[in-house]
N, C-alpha and C. Protein backbone atom coordinates (compact mmCIF):
# COMPACT_ATOMS: atom_id res chain seq x y z
N MET A 1 -132.25 -13.58 19.07
CA MET A 1 -132.16 -12.63 20.17
C MET A 1 -130.92 -11.77 19.99
N ASP A 2 -131.10 -10.47 20.16
CA ASP A 2 -129.94 -9.60 20.09
C ASP A 2 -129.31 -9.46 21.48
N GLU A 3 -128.21 -8.76 21.55
CA GLU A 3 -127.44 -8.64 22.80
C GLU A 3 -128.23 -7.96 23.92
N ASN A 4 -129.00 -6.94 23.60
CA ASN A 4 -129.79 -6.24 24.62
C ASN A 4 -130.87 -7.13 25.22
N GLN A 5 -131.51 -7.95 24.37
CA GLN A 5 -132.52 -8.87 24.87
C GLN A 5 -131.89 -9.93 25.77
N ILE A 6 -130.70 -10.40 25.39
CA ILE A 6 -130.00 -11.40 26.21
C ILE A 6 -129.64 -10.80 27.57
N LYS A 7 -129.15 -9.55 27.58
CA LYS A 7 -128.80 -8.88 28.84
C LYS A 7 -130.03 -8.69 29.72
N ALA A 8 -131.15 -8.29 29.11
CA ALA A 8 -132.38 -8.08 29.86
C ALA A 8 -132.88 -9.40 30.45
N LEU A 9 -132.81 -10.46 29.65
CA LEU A 9 -133.23 -11.77 30.14
C LEU A 9 -132.33 -12.25 31.28
N ALA A 10 -131.02 -12.08 31.11
CA ALA A 10 -130.07 -12.49 32.15
C ALA A 10 -130.31 -11.72 33.44
N LYS A 11 -130.59 -10.43 33.31
CA LYS A 11 -130.87 -9.59 34.48
C LYS A 11 -132.12 -10.07 35.20
N GLU A 12 -133.16 -10.38 34.44
CA GLU A 12 -134.43 -10.85 35.02
C GLU A 12 -134.25 -12.21 35.71
N VAL A 13 -133.50 -13.09 35.08
CA VAL A 13 -133.24 -14.41 35.65
C VAL A 13 -132.44 -14.27 36.94
N ALA A 14 -131.45 -13.39 36.95
CA ALA A 14 -130.64 -13.17 38.15
C ALA A 14 -131.49 -12.62 39.28
N LYS A 15 -132.35 -11.65 38.98
CA LYS A 15 -133.23 -11.08 40.01
C LYS A 15 -134.13 -12.16 40.62
N GLU A 16 -134.68 -13.00 39.78
CA GLU A 16 -135.56 -14.07 40.25
C GLU A 16 -134.80 -15.07 41.11
N ALA A 17 -133.59 -15.39 40.70
CA ALA A 17 -132.77 -16.34 41.47
C ALA A 17 -132.44 -15.77 42.84
N VAL A 18 -132.10 -14.50 42.90
CA VAL A 18 -131.77 -13.86 44.17
C VAL A 18 -133.02 -13.83 45.07
N LYS A 19 -134.17 -13.48 44.48
CA LYS A 19 -135.43 -13.46 45.25
C LYS A 19 -135.72 -14.82 45.86
N GLU A 20 -135.59 -15.86 45.06
CA GLU A 20 -135.87 -17.22 45.53
C GLU A 20 -134.87 -17.65 46.61
N THR A 21 -133.62 -17.24 46.44
CA THR A 21 -132.61 -17.57 47.45
C THR A 21 -132.95 -16.91 48.77
N PHE A 22 -133.28 -15.62 48.73
CA PHE A 22 -133.65 -14.91 49.95
C PHE A 22 -134.89 -15.54 50.59
N LEU A 23 -135.88 -15.89 49.76
CA LEU A 23 -137.08 -16.53 50.29
C LEU A 23 -136.76 -17.85 50.96
N THR A 24 -135.86 -18.62 50.37
CA THR A 24 -135.45 -19.89 50.96
C THR A 24 -134.81 -19.66 52.33
N LEU A 25 -134.08 -18.54 52.47
CA LEU A 25 -133.44 -18.21 53.73
C LEU A 25 -134.40 -17.54 54.71
N GLY A 26 -135.62 -17.28 54.28
CA GLY A 26 -136.61 -16.67 55.16
C GLY A 26 -136.57 -15.16 55.17
N VAL A 27 -136.00 -14.56 54.15
CA VAL A 27 -135.88 -13.10 54.06
C VAL A 27 -136.83 -12.59 52.98
N ASP A 28 -137.70 -11.66 53.38
CA ASP A 28 -138.64 -11.07 52.42
C ASP A 28 -137.98 -9.86 51.76
N ALA A 29 -137.40 -10.08 50.58
CA ALA A 29 -136.66 -9.03 49.89
C ALA A 29 -137.55 -7.92 49.36
N SER A 30 -138.86 -8.10 49.40
CA SER A 30 -139.75 -7.04 48.91
C SER A 30 -139.87 -5.91 49.92
N LYS A 31 -139.35 -6.12 51.14
CA LYS A 31 -139.36 -5.08 52.18
C LYS A 31 -137.92 -4.83 52.64
N PRO A 32 -137.14 -4.11 51.84
CA PRO A 32 -135.71 -3.96 52.14
C PRO A 32 -135.42 -3.23 53.46
N MET A 33 -136.28 -2.30 53.86
CA MET A 33 -136.04 -1.58 55.11
C MET A 33 -136.19 -2.52 56.31
N GLU A 34 -137.14 -3.44 56.24
CA GLU A 34 -137.31 -4.42 57.32
C GLU A 34 -136.12 -5.38 57.36
N VAL A 35 -135.64 -5.77 56.21
CA VAL A 35 -134.49 -6.66 56.15
C VAL A 35 -133.27 -5.97 56.76
N GLN A 36 -133.08 -4.69 56.41
CA GLN A 36 -131.96 -3.94 56.98
C GLN A 36 -132.10 -3.83 58.49
N ALA A 37 -133.30 -3.58 58.97
CA ALA A 37 -133.53 -3.48 60.41
C ALA A 37 -133.23 -4.82 61.10
N ASP A 38 -133.62 -5.92 60.47
CA ASP A 38 -133.34 -7.25 61.03
C ASP A 38 -131.84 -7.49 61.12
N PHE A 39 -131.11 -7.15 60.06
CA PHE A 39 -129.66 -7.35 60.08
C PHE A 39 -128.99 -6.42 61.10
N HIS A 40 -129.52 -5.21 61.24
CA HIS A 40 -128.99 -4.28 62.24
C HIS A 40 -129.20 -4.85 63.64
N PHE A 41 -130.38 -5.41 63.89
CA PHE A 41 -130.68 -6.02 65.18
C PHE A 41 -129.73 -7.19 65.45
N LEU A 42 -129.51 -8.03 64.44
CA LEU A 42 -128.60 -9.16 64.60
C LEU A 42 -127.18 -8.70 64.91
N ARG A 43 -126.75 -7.61 64.25
CA ARG A 43 -125.41 -7.08 64.50
C ARG A 43 -125.31 -6.55 65.92
N ASP A 44 -126.35 -5.84 66.38
CA ASP A 44 -126.36 -5.34 67.76
C ASP A 44 -126.29 -6.50 68.76
N CYS A 45 -127.02 -7.57 68.49
CA CYS A 45 -126.97 -8.75 69.37
C CYS A 45 -125.58 -9.35 69.41
N ARG A 46 -124.95 -9.46 68.25
CA ARG A 46 -123.60 -10.03 68.18
C ARG A 46 -122.61 -9.16 68.94
N LEU A 47 -122.67 -7.86 68.71
CA LEU A 47 -121.74 -6.96 69.40
C LEU A 47 -121.98 -6.97 70.91
N GLY A 48 -123.24 -7.02 71.30
CA GLY A 48 -123.57 -7.07 72.73
C GLY A 48 -123.05 -8.34 73.38
N SER A 49 -123.19 -9.46 72.70
CA SER A 49 -122.71 -10.72 73.28
C SER A 49 -121.18 -10.72 73.36
N GLU A 50 -120.51 -10.09 72.40
CA GLU A 50 -119.05 -10.00 72.47
C GLU A 50 -118.62 -9.16 73.66
N LYS A 51 -119.31 -8.04 73.89
CA LYS A 51 -119.00 -7.20 75.05
C LYS A 51 -119.25 -7.96 76.35
N LEU A 52 -120.35 -8.68 76.39
CA LEU A 52 -120.70 -9.45 77.59
C LEU A 52 -119.63 -10.50 77.87
N LYS A 53 -119.17 -11.20 76.83
CA LYS A 53 -118.13 -12.21 77.00
C LYS A 53 -116.87 -11.59 77.59
N SER A 54 -116.47 -10.43 77.08
CA SER A 54 -115.24 -9.82 77.59
C SER A 54 -115.42 -9.36 79.03
N LYS A 55 -116.60 -8.85 79.38
CA LYS A 55 -116.84 -8.42 80.76
C LYS A 55 -116.87 -9.61 81.71
N ILE A 56 -117.46 -10.71 81.28
CA ILE A 56 -117.48 -11.92 82.11
C ILE A 56 -116.05 -12.43 82.29
N GLY A 57 -115.28 -12.42 81.24
CA GLY A 57 -113.88 -12.85 81.33
C GLY A 57 -113.09 -11.99 82.29
N LEU A 58 -113.28 -10.67 82.21
CA LEU A 58 -112.59 -9.77 83.14
C LEU A 58 -113.05 -10.01 84.57
N GLY A 59 -114.33 -10.28 84.76
CA GLY A 59 -114.85 -10.58 86.09
C GLY A 59 -114.23 -11.83 86.68
N ILE A 60 -114.10 -12.87 85.86
CA ILE A 60 -113.49 -14.12 86.33
C ILE A 60 -112.03 -13.88 86.70
N VAL A 61 -111.30 -13.14 85.88
CA VAL A 61 -109.91 -12.84 86.19
C VAL A 61 -109.83 -12.04 87.50
N GLY A 62 -110.72 -11.09 87.67
CA GLY A 62 -110.74 -10.30 88.90
C GLY A 62 -110.98 -11.15 90.13
N VAL A 63 -111.92 -12.08 90.02
CA VAL A 63 -112.20 -12.98 91.15
C VAL A 63 -110.99 -13.86 91.45
N LEU A 64 -110.34 -14.40 90.42
CA LEU A 64 -109.17 -15.24 90.62
C LEU A 64 -108.02 -14.47 91.27
N VAL A 65 -107.81 -13.24 90.84
CA VAL A 65 -106.75 -12.41 91.44
C VAL A 65 -107.08 -12.12 92.89
N THR A 66 -108.34 -11.79 93.17
CA THR A 66 -108.75 -11.50 94.55
C THR A 66 -108.57 -12.72 95.44
N VAL A 67 -109.00 -13.87 94.97
CA VAL A 67 -108.86 -15.11 95.76
C VAL A 67 -107.38 -15.40 96.02
N THR A 68 -106.55 -15.22 95.02
CA THR A 68 -105.11 -15.45 95.18
C THR A 68 -104.51 -14.50 96.21
N LEU A 69 -104.88 -13.24 96.13
CA LEU A 69 -104.36 -12.26 97.09
C LEU A 69 -104.83 -12.55 98.50
N VAL A 70 -106.09 -12.94 98.66
CA VAL A 70 -106.62 -13.27 99.99
C VAL A 70 -105.90 -14.49 100.54
N ALA A 71 -105.71 -15.52 99.72
CA ALA A 71 -104.99 -16.72 100.17
C ALA A 71 -103.56 -16.38 100.56
N LEU A 72 -102.91 -15.54 99.78
CA LEU A 72 -101.56 -15.10 100.09
C LEU A 72 -101.53 -14.34 101.41
N TRP A 73 -102.47 -13.42 101.57
CA TRP A 73 -102.55 -12.63 102.80
C TRP A 73 -102.80 -13.53 104.02
N LEU A 74 -103.71 -14.48 103.89
CA LEU A 74 -103.99 -15.39 105.01
C LEU A 74 -102.79 -16.27 105.31
N GLY A 75 -102.07 -16.69 104.29
CA GLY A 75 -100.86 -17.50 104.49
C GLY A 75 -99.78 -16.70 105.21
N ILE A 76 -99.59 -15.45 104.81
CA ILE A 76 -98.59 -14.61 105.47
C ILE A 76 -99.01 -14.35 106.91
N LYS A 77 -100.28 -14.05 107.12
CA LYS A 77 -100.80 -13.77 108.45
C LYS A 77 -100.63 -15.00 109.37
N ALA A 78 -100.90 -16.20 108.84
CA ALA A 78 -100.75 -17.43 109.61
C ALA A 78 -99.29 -17.68 109.92
N ALA A 79 -98.39 -17.38 109.00
CA ALA A 79 -96.95 -17.59 109.21
C ALA A 79 -96.42 -16.64 110.28
N ILE A 80 -96.93 -15.44 110.31
CA ILE A 80 -96.49 -14.44 111.31
C ILE A 80 -96.98 -14.83 112.69
N ASN A 81 -98.19 -15.36 112.81
CA ASN A 81 -98.80 -15.69 114.11
C ASN A 81 -98.23 -16.98 114.71
N THR A 82 -97.49 -17.78 113.98
CA THR A 82 -96.97 -19.03 114.54
C THR A 82 -95.59 -18.87 115.10
C-alpha cells in the first residue's frame, strides 16, 4: 500500500467510526440539518432554563425583602402604638 491508499483507508475508517459513534448516541448523521436543529433546540432549552432560574431567584429575593420590610414596618408601628 502506498501513502495515498493508507490516507484514503484511514479517512474511510475514521468516517465509519464517527458514524457509528453518532448512531450509538442516537444521532442520525445522514441528516445534518436535522441534527443541527436538534442541537439548536437543546441550546434554546438550556438558555431558557437559565433565564428562568435567575428570574425565580430574583423573585425569591424580592419576596424576602418585602417580608422583611413589612415585618420591620409592623414592628415600628407596634412600638409607636404602645
